Amino acid sequence: MDAVMQALADGNRRTVLEILRERPATAGELAGALPIARPGVSRHLRVLREAGLVEVEQDAQRRIYRLRPEPLVEVDEWLETYRAHWEHRLDALHTEITRGKKARR
């Protein structure tokens, strides 16, 4: 999970994942959507591949990149405990706000 979290720490890599969430894309298509040079895009794709977040398929001279969402499931499961904690606190805040509104009436 550490490699996934490190991969997600970069905004350009998150942008790549957002694009790949919608559709597979070539490195050239991804480079056109990012404000960095193509060699930088290749480095980001390598990090994403090594983290298991993308897979690549060779199609003649082109490489097609696709999202692999499975590693994100592990991150989501880890975050669930924090999500539950904050949902409980937000519910308590909502209750207090409602009480305050009733008291002002």
C-alpha atoms as a PDB file:
ATOM      1  CA  MET A   1       0.000   0.000   0.000  1.00  0.00           C
ATOM      2  CA  ASP A   2       2.964   2.348   0.551  1.00  0.00           C
ATOM      3  CA  ALA A   3       3.790   2.362  -3.173  1.00  0.00           C
ATOM      4  CA  VAL A   4       0.158   3.170  -4.000  1.00  0.00           C
ATOM      5  CA  MET A   5       0.071   6.037  -1.499  1.00  0.00           C
ATOM      6  CA  GLN A   6       3.344   7.443  -2.846  1.00  0.00           C
ATOM      7  CA  ALA A   7       2.018   7.207  -6.388  1.00  0.00           C
ATOM      8  CA  LEU A   8      -1.168   9.024  -5.376  1.00  0.00           C
ATOM      9  CA  ALA A   9       0.820  11.803  -3.673  1.00  0.00           C
ATOM     10  CA  ASP A  10       1.595  13.474  -7.007  1.00  0.00           C
ATOM     11  CA  GLY A  11      -1.051  15.629  -8.677  1.00  0.00           C
ATOM     12  CA  ASN A  12       0.040  14.734 -12.212  1.00  0.00           C
ATOM     13  CA  ARG A  13      -0.288  11.029 -11.444  1.00  0.00           C
ATOM     14  CA  ARG A  14      -3.753  11.602  -9.984  1.00  0.00           C
ATOM     15  CA  THR A  15      -4.674  13.421 -13.209  1.00  0.00           C
ATOM     16  CA  VAL A  16      -3.453  10.425 -15.222  1.00  0.00           C
ATOM     17  CA  LEU A  17      -5.611   8.114 -13.100  1.00  0.00           C
ATOM     18  CA  GLU A  18      -8.642  10.376 -13.582  1.00  0.00           C
ATOM     19  CA  ILE A  19      -8.179  10.232 -17.344  1.00  0.00           C
ATOM     20  CA  LEU A  20      -7.699   6.463 -17.295  1.00  0.00           C
ATOM     21  CA  ARG A  21     -10.787   6.085 -15.113  1.00  0.00           C
ATOM     22  CA  GLU A  22     -12.788   7.385 -18.082  1.00  0.00           C
ATOM     23  CA  ARG A  23     -10.989   5.488 -20.845  1.00  0.00           C
ATOM     24  CA  PRO A  24      -7.708   3.785 -21.798  1.00  0.00           C
ATOM     25  CA  ALA A  25      -5.132   6.140 -23.330  1.00  0.00           C
ATOM     26  CA  THR A  26      -1.714   6.219 -24.933  1.00  0.00           C
ATOM     27  CA  ALA A  27       1.256   8.017 -23.400  1.00  0.00           C
ATOM     28  CA  GLY A  28       0.904  10.671 -26.107  1.00  0.00           C
ATOM     29  CA  GLU A  29      -2.736  11.313 -25.229  1.00  0.00           C
ATOM     30  CA  LEU A  30      -1.838  11.564 -21.559  1.00  0.00           C
ATOM     31  CA  ALA A  31       1.045  13.919 -22.336  1.00  0.00           C
ATOM     32  CA  GLY A  32      -1.371  16.199 -24.161  1.00  0.00           C
ATOM     33  CA  ALA A  33      -3.477  16.502 -21.017  1.00  0.00           C
ATOM     34  CA  LEU A  34      -0.604  17.325 -18.646  1.00  0.00           C
ATOM     35  CA  PRO A  35       1.556  20.455 -18.321  1.00  0.00           C
ATOM     36  CA  ILE A  36       4.792  18.437 -18.446  1.00  0.00           C
ATOM     37  CA  ALA A  37       7.071  17.047 -21.154  1.00  0.00           C
ATOM     38  CA  ARG A  38       6.565  13.531 -22.477  1.00  0.00           C
ATOM     39  CA  PRO A  39       9.613  12.078 -20.645  1.00  0.00           C
ATOM     40  CA  GLY A  40       8.013  13.251 -17.388  1.00  0.00           C
ATOM     41  CA  VAL A  41       4.765  11.529 -18.327  1.00  0.00           C
ATOM     42  CA  SER A  42       6.712   8.331 -18.984  1.00  0.00           C
ATOM     43  CA  ARG A  43       8.294   8.540 -15.523  1.00  0.00           C
ATOM     44  CA  HIS A  44       4.870   9.047 -13.931  1.00  0.00           C
ATOM     45  CA  LEU A  45       3.478   6.074 -15.877  1.00  0.00           C
ATOM     46  CA  ARG A  46       6.381   3.928 -14.670  1.00  0.00           C
ATOM     47  CA  VAL A  47       5.615   4.847 -11.029  1.00  0.00           C
ATOM     48  CA  LEU A  48       1.923   4.055 -11.561  1.00  0.00           C
ATOM     49  CA  ARG A  49       2.793   0.726 -13.215  1.00  0.00           C
ATOM     50  CA  GLU A  50       5.169  -0.237 -10.401  1.00  0.00           C
ATOM     51  CA  ALA A  51       2.456   0.583  -7.840  1.00  0.00           C
ATOM     52  CA  GLY A  52       0.052  -1.661  -9.770  1.00  0.00           C
ATOM     53  CA  LEU A  53      -2.338   1.193 -10.561  1.00  0.00           C
ATOM     54  CA  VAL A  54      -2.052   0.957 -14.341  1.00  0.00           C
ATOM     55  CA  GLU A  55      -1.403  -1.789 -16.838  1.00  0.00           C
ATOM     56  CA  VAL A  56      -0.037  -1.443 -20.321  1.00  0.00           C
ATOM     57  CA  GLU A  57      -0.926  -3.301 -23.492  1.00  0.00           C
ATOM     58  CA  GLN A  58       1.228  -3.222 -26.603  1.00  0.00           C
ATOM     59  CA  ASP A  59      -0.800  -2.530 -29.763  1.00  0.00           C
ATOM     60  CA  ALA A  60       1.625  -2.506 -32.698  1.00  0.00           C
ATOM     61  CA  GLN A  61       3.766   0.606 -32.039  1.00  0.00           C
ATOM     62  CA  ARG A  62       1.422   2.042 -29.414  1.00  0.00           C
ATOM     63  CA  ARG A  63       1.197   1.328 -25.708  1.00  0.00           C
ATOM     64  CA  ILE A  64      -2.294   1.568 -24.305  1.00  0.00           C
ATOM     65  CA  TYR A  65      -2.571   2.320 -20.579  1.00  0.00           C
ATOM     66  CA  ARG A  66      -5.527   1.211 -18.474  1.00  0.00           C
ATOM     67  CA  LEU A  67      -6.494   1.817 -14.873  1.00  0.00           C
ATOM     68  CA  ARG A  68      -6.205  -1.095 -12.428  1.00  0.00           C
ATOM     69  CA  PRO A  69      -8.549  -0.120  -9.576  1.00  0.00           C
ATOM     70  CA  GLU A  70      -7.762  -3.126  -7.354  1.00  0.00           C
ATOM     71  CA  PRO A  71      -4.936  -1.405  -5.393  1.00  0.00           C
ATOM     72  CA  LEU A  72      -7.325   1.454  -4.614  1.00  0.00           C
ATOM     73  CA  VAL A  73      -9.649  -1.000  -2.839  1.00  0.00           C
ATOM     74  CA  GLU A  74      -6.957  -1.639  -0.227  1.00  0.00           C
ATOM     75  CA  VAL A  75      -6.533   2.115   0.320  1.00  0.00           C
ATOM     76  CA  ASP A  76     -10.312   2.523   0.565  1.00  0.00           C
ATOM     77  CA  GLU A  77     -10.520  -0.238   3.183  1.00  0.00           C
ATOM     78  CA  TRP A  78      -7.749   1.432   5.207  1.00  0.00           C
ATOM     79  CA  LEU A  79      -9.533   4.789   4.994  1.00  0.00           C
ATOM     80  CA  GLU A  80     -12.842   3.271   6.092  1.00  0.00           C
ATOM     81  CA  THR A  81     -11.914   3.405   9.775  1.00  0.00           C
ATOM     82  CA  TYR A  82     -11.161   7.120   9.468  1.00  0.00           C
ATOM     83  CA  ARG A  83     -14.310   7.704   7.435  1.00  0.00           C
ATOM     84  CA  ALA A  84     -16.436   6.060  10.128  1.00  0.00           C
ATOM     85  CA  HIS A  85     -14.753   8.179  12.817  1.00  0.00           C
ATOM     86  CA  TRP A  86     -15.447  11.443  10.980  1.00  0.00           C
ATOM     87  CA  GLU A  87     -18.989  10.474  10.038  1.00  0.00           C
ATOM     88  CA  HIS A  88     -19.728   9.916  13.720  1.00  0.00           C
ATOM     89  CA  ARG A  89     -18.259  13.313  14.614  1.00  0.00           C
ATOM     90  CA  LEU A  90     -20.133  15.071  11.817  1.00  0.00           C
ATOM     91  CA  ASP A  91     -23.368  13.440  12.927  1.00  0.00           C
ATOM     92  CA  ALA A  92     -22.746  14.763  16.456  1.00  0.00           C
ATOM     93  CA  LEU A  93     -22.056  18.234  15.053  1.00  0.00           C
ATOM     94  CA  HIS A  94     -25.297  18.115  13.073  1.00  0.00           C
ATOM     95  CA  THR A  95     -27.185  17.179  16.241  1.00  0.00           C
ATOM     96  CA  GLU A  96     -25.669  20.123  18.134  1.00  0.00           C
ATOM     97  CA  ILE A  97     -26.495  22.550  15.323  1.00  0.00           C
ATOM     98  CA  THR A  98     -30.096  21.306  15.258  1.00  0.00           C
ATOM     99  CA  ARG A  99     -30.350  21.743  19.045  1.00  0.00           C
ATOM    100  CA  GLY A 100     -28.986  25.291  18.746  1.00  0.00           C
ATOM    101  CA  LYS A 101     -31.558  26.213  16.114  1.00  0.00           C
ATOM    102  CA  LYS A 102     -34.379  24.837  18.236  1.00  0.00           C
ATOM    103  CA  ALA A 103     -33.136  26.746  21.303  1.00  0.00           C
ATOM    104  CA  ARG A 104     -33.197  30.082  19.376  1.00  0.00           C
ATOM    105  CA  ARG A 105     -36.824  29.681  18.374  1.00  0.00           C
END
